[in-house]
Protein backbone atom coordinates (compact mmCIF):
# COMPACT_ATOMS: atom_id res chain seq x y z
CA UNK A 1 80.68 72.87 97.18
CA UNK A 2 83.27 71.92 94.59
CA UNK A 3 86.84 72.94 95.30
CA UNK A 4 87.39 74.10 91.72
CA UNK A 5 84.40 76.45 91.84
CA UNK A 6 85.42 77.95 95.17
CA UNK A 7 89.00 78.61 94.07
CA UNK A 8 87.83 80.08 90.76
CA UNK A 9 85.49 82.49 92.55
CA UNK A 10 88.26 83.41 94.98
CA UNK A 11 90.63 84.09 92.07
CA UNK A 12 88.03 86.33 90.41
CA UNK A 13 87.45 88.31 93.62
CA UNK A 14 91.16 88.82 94.31
CA UNK A 15 91.95 89.86 90.74
CA UNK A 16 89.01 92.29 90.69
CA UNK A 17 90.17 93.82 93.96
CA UNK A 18 93.71 94.22 92.59
CA UNK A 19 92.40 95.88 89.44
CA UNK A 20 90.12 98.24 91.34
CA UNK A 21 92.24 99.17 94.36
CA UNK A 22 95.71 98.45 93.01
CA UNK A 23 95.58 99.60 89.39
CA UNK A 24 92.61 101.99 89.80
CA UNK A 25 91.51 101.00 86.31
CA UNK A 26 87.92 100.34 85.26
CA UNK A 27 89.21 98.85 82.02
CA UNK A 28 91.30 96.30 83.88
CA UNK A 29 88.31 95.54 86.09
CA UNK A 30 86.42 94.25 83.03
CA UNK A 31 89.02 91.57 82.26
CA UNK A 32 90.57 90.88 85.67
CA UNK A 33 87.81 88.58 87.02
CA UNK A 34 87.99 86.37 83.94
CA UNK A 35 91.77 86.10 84.17
CA UNK A 36 91.64 85.50 87.94
CA UNK A 37 88.93 82.86 87.64
CA UNK A 38 90.91 81.06 84.93
CA UNK A 39 94.11 81.08 86.99
CA UNK A 40 92.15 79.95 90.05
CA UNK A 41 90.66 77.07 88.08
CA UNK A 42 94.09 75.96 86.87
CA UNK A 43 95.45 76.15 90.41
CA UNK A 44 92.54 74.09 91.74
CA UNK A 45 92.95 71.42 89.05
CA UNK A 46 96.68 71.19 89.77
CA UNK A 47 95.99 70.81 93.50
CA UNK A 48 93.40 68.08 92.94
CA UNK A 49 95.61 66.15 90.53
CA UNK A 50 98.49 66.39 92.98
CA UNK A 51 96.51 64.36 95.52
CA UNK A 52 94.79 62.16 92.92
CA UNK A 53 91.36 63.64 93.59
CA UNK A 54 88.52 63.92 91.07
CA UNK A 55 87.57 67.29 89.63
CA UNK A 56 84.26 67.25 91.49
CA UNK A 57 85.97 66.92 94.89
CA UNK A 58 84.79 69.23 97.64
CA UNK A 59 86.84 71.55 99.83
CA UNK A 60 86.70 69.07 102.70
CA UNK A 61 87.94 66.28 100.40
CA UNK A 62 90.91 68.39 99.40
CA UNK A 63 91.73 69.38 102.98
CA UNK A 64 91.56 65.78 104.17
CA UNK A 65 93.81 64.58 101.35
CA UNK A 66 96.31 67.42 101.82
CA UNK A 67 96.37 67.07 105.61
CA UNK A 68 95.12 70.61 106.21
CA UNK A 69 93.36 71.16 109.52
CA UNK A 70 91.49 74.13 110.93
CA UNK A 71 94.62 75.47 112.61
CA UNK A 72 93.88 79.24 112.25
CA UNK A 73 90.73 78.90 114.36
CA UNK A 74 92.68 77.24 117.18
CA UNK A 75 95.32 79.98 117.19
CA UNK A 76 92.61 82.63 117.00
CA UNK A 77 90.86 81.52 120.20
CA UNK A 78 94.17 81.07 121.98
CA UNK A 79 95.25 84.61 121.02
CA UNK A 80 91.90 86.02 122.17
CA UNK A 81 92.37 84.42 125.61
CA UNK A 82 95.89 85.86 125.85
CA UNK A 83 94.55 89.28 124.86
CA UNK A 84 91.81 89.16 127.50
CA UNK A 85 94.28 88.19 130.22
CA UNK A 86 96.63 91.03 129.24
CA UNK A 87 93.70 93.46 129.17
CA UNK A 88 92.77 92.58 132.76
CA UNK A 89 96.39 93.15 133.75
CA UNK A 90 96.63 96.48 131.91
CA UNK A 91 93.37 98.08 133.07
CA UNK A 92 94.63 99.02 136.58
CA UNK A 93 97.35 101.13 134.94
CA UNK A 94 94.64 103.66 134.04
CA UNK A 95 94.75 104.87 137.64
CA UNK A 96 98.42 105.82 137.12
CA UNK A 97 97.65 108.23 134.29
CA UNK A 98 96.90 108.33 130.59
CA UNK A 99 100.49 108.22 129.32
CA UNK A 100 101.45 105.31 131.56
CA UNK A 101 98.31 103.39 130.55
CA UNK A 102 99.06 103.85 126.84
CA UNK A 103 102.70 102.85 127.36
CA UNK A 104 101.65 99.73 129.26
CA UNK A 105 99.15 98.92 126.50
CA UNK A 106 101.88 99.22 123.85
CA UNK A 107 104.13 96.85 125.79
CA UNK A 108 101.18 94.52 126.24
CA UNK A 109 100.75 94.34 122.46
CA UNK A 110 104.30 93.06 122.12
CA UNK A 111 103.64 90.50 124.86
CA UNK A 112 100.46 89.26 123.13
CA UNK A 113 102.31 88.71 119.85
CA UNK A 114 105.30 86.97 121.46
CA UNK A 115 103.26 84.75 123.81
CA UNK A 116 100.84 83.72 121.05
CA UNK A 117 103.61 82.72 118.64
CA UNK A 118 105.70 80.99 121.32
CA UNK A 119 102.84 79.00 122.87
CA UNK A 120 101.42 78.12 119.45
CA UNK A 121 104.83 76.79 118.50
CA UNK A 122 104.99 74.59 121.60
CA UNK A 123 101.43 73.31 121.34
CA UNK A 124 101.53 72.44 117.64
CA UNK A 125 102.75 68.86 117.30
CA UNK A 126 101.89 68.25 113.65
CA UNK A 127 103.04 70.17 110.53
CA UNK A 128 100.94 73.22 109.74
CA UNK A 129 99.57 73.63 106.22
CA UNK A 130 97.47 76.50 104.91
CA UNK A 131 95.20 76.20 101.91
CA UNK A 132 94.49 79.03 99.49
CA UNK A 133 91.43 80.21 101.45
CA UNK A 134 93.21 80.40 104.78
CA UNK A 135 96.23 82.05 103.17
CA UNK A 136 94.24 84.69 101.27
CA UNK A 137 92.01 85.31 104.30
CA UNK A 138 95.00 85.98 106.53
CA UNK A 139 96.61 88.23 103.92
CA UNK A 140 93.34 90.15 103.69
CA UNK A 141 93.20 90.41 107.48
CA UNK A 142 96.71 91.87 107.63
CA UNK A 143 95.91 94.31 104.81
CA UNK A 144 92.67 95.52 106.40
CA UNK A 145 94.07 96.02 109.89
CA UNK A 146 97.26 97.50 108.48
CA UNK A 147 95.24 100.06 106.52
CA UNK A 148 93.10 100.84 109.58
CA UNK A 149 96.21 101.31 111.71
CA UNK A 150 97.74 103.62 109.11
CA UNK A 151 94.59 105.74 108.93
CA UNK A 152 94.34 106.04 112.72
CA UNK A 153 98.04 106.84 113.08
CA UNK A 154 98.10 109.49 110.33
CA UNK A 155 94.68 111.10 110.72
CA UNK A 156 93.78 111.04 114.41
CA UNK A 157 97.34 111.15 115.83
CA UNK A 158 96.38 110.13 119.37
CA UNK A 159 99.85 110.93 120.71
CA UNK A 160 99.30 114.62 119.91
CA UNK A 161 96.02 114.95 121.84
CA UNK A 162 96.34 117.70 124.45
CA UNK A 163 93.08 116.90 126.25
CA UNK A 164 93.08 113.88 128.57
CA UNK A 165 91.07 110.85 127.55
CA UNK A 166 88.26 109.87 129.96
CA UNK A 167 89.00 106.68 131.87
CA UNK A 168 86.07 104.77 130.38
CA UNK A 169 87.14 105.66 126.84
CA UNK A 170 90.71 104.70 127.69
CA UNK A 171 89.50 101.33 128.98
CA UNK A 172 87.58 100.74 125.74
CA UNK A 173 90.69 101.66 123.76
CA UNK A 174 92.76 99.09 125.66
CA UNK A 175 90.13 96.40 125.01
CA UNK A 176 90.00 97.30 121.30
CA UNK A 177 93.78 97.47 120.88
CA UNK A 178 94.34 94.09 122.53
CA UNK A 179 91.53 92.54 120.49
CA UNK A 180 93.04 93.72 117.21
CA UNK A 181 96.53 92.66 118.26
CA UNK A 182 95.20 89.24 119.28
CA UNK A 183 93.74 88.68 115.81
CA UNK A 184 96.95 89.80 114.13
CA UNK A 185 98.98 87.58 116.50
CA UNK A 186 96.96 84.54 115.47
CA UNK A 187 97.56 85.37 111.80
CA UNK A 188 101.29 85.85 112.32
CA UNK A 189 101.50 82.61 114.34
CA UNK A 190 99.85 80.65 111.52
CA UNK A 191 102.19 82.15 108.93
CA UNK A 192 105.27 81.46 111.06
CA UNK A 193 104.31 77.86 111.80
CA UNK A 194 103.35 77.17 108.19
CA UNK A 195 106.66 78.63 106.96
CA UNK A 196 108.76 76.54 109.34
CA UNK A 197 106.72 73.44 108.53
CA UNK A 198 107.39 74.01 104.83
CA UNK A 199 111.12 74.36 105.50
CA UNK A 200 111.13 71.16 107.57
CA UNK A 201 109.32 69.24 104.82
CA UNK A 202 111.76 70.58 102.23
CA UNK A 203 114.82 69.60 104.31
CA UNK A 204 113.36 66.15 105.03
CA UNK A 205 113.28 65.25 101.33
């Protein structure tokens, strides 16, 4: 599909979401998609002209010309493997009690983030570039999981539960927590590598 069409549609979706969830205005929702689609079209044309591509170029044509690879997918699977390994290490802590298991799980989340970013840094030999779809997708991922975390933390308040959590439910919680943290770690790793790559390209000029 044409790159210009995809970016225009993405601009319309993002602007409509901002008008609906950010401004809470039905009036703004009527005009926001048109404005977003127009800005997305201008951005797409600028990107194609920057790499001397025709206006009917596809997304793959643009990514090949800009040197953008499918880096987020690689970091995603690596983070999932790290999360699974940490989960297997954390599960025996359930036998030591609920509080210890939750504390170990919290420390494991920090380990997943740090190991994912560090190992991604060492394994990435080429500069990392993110296109508008990868960037907006990762921003959306952070927003969704951030909102979910806020709701869970403010509404359920698991640290205030007086009743003990059954061991099977606790095991599922550890799996779920590490899975979510693995996804967020992959997103943060991509952002960090892309930011440092941009700085390196800027300093190399």
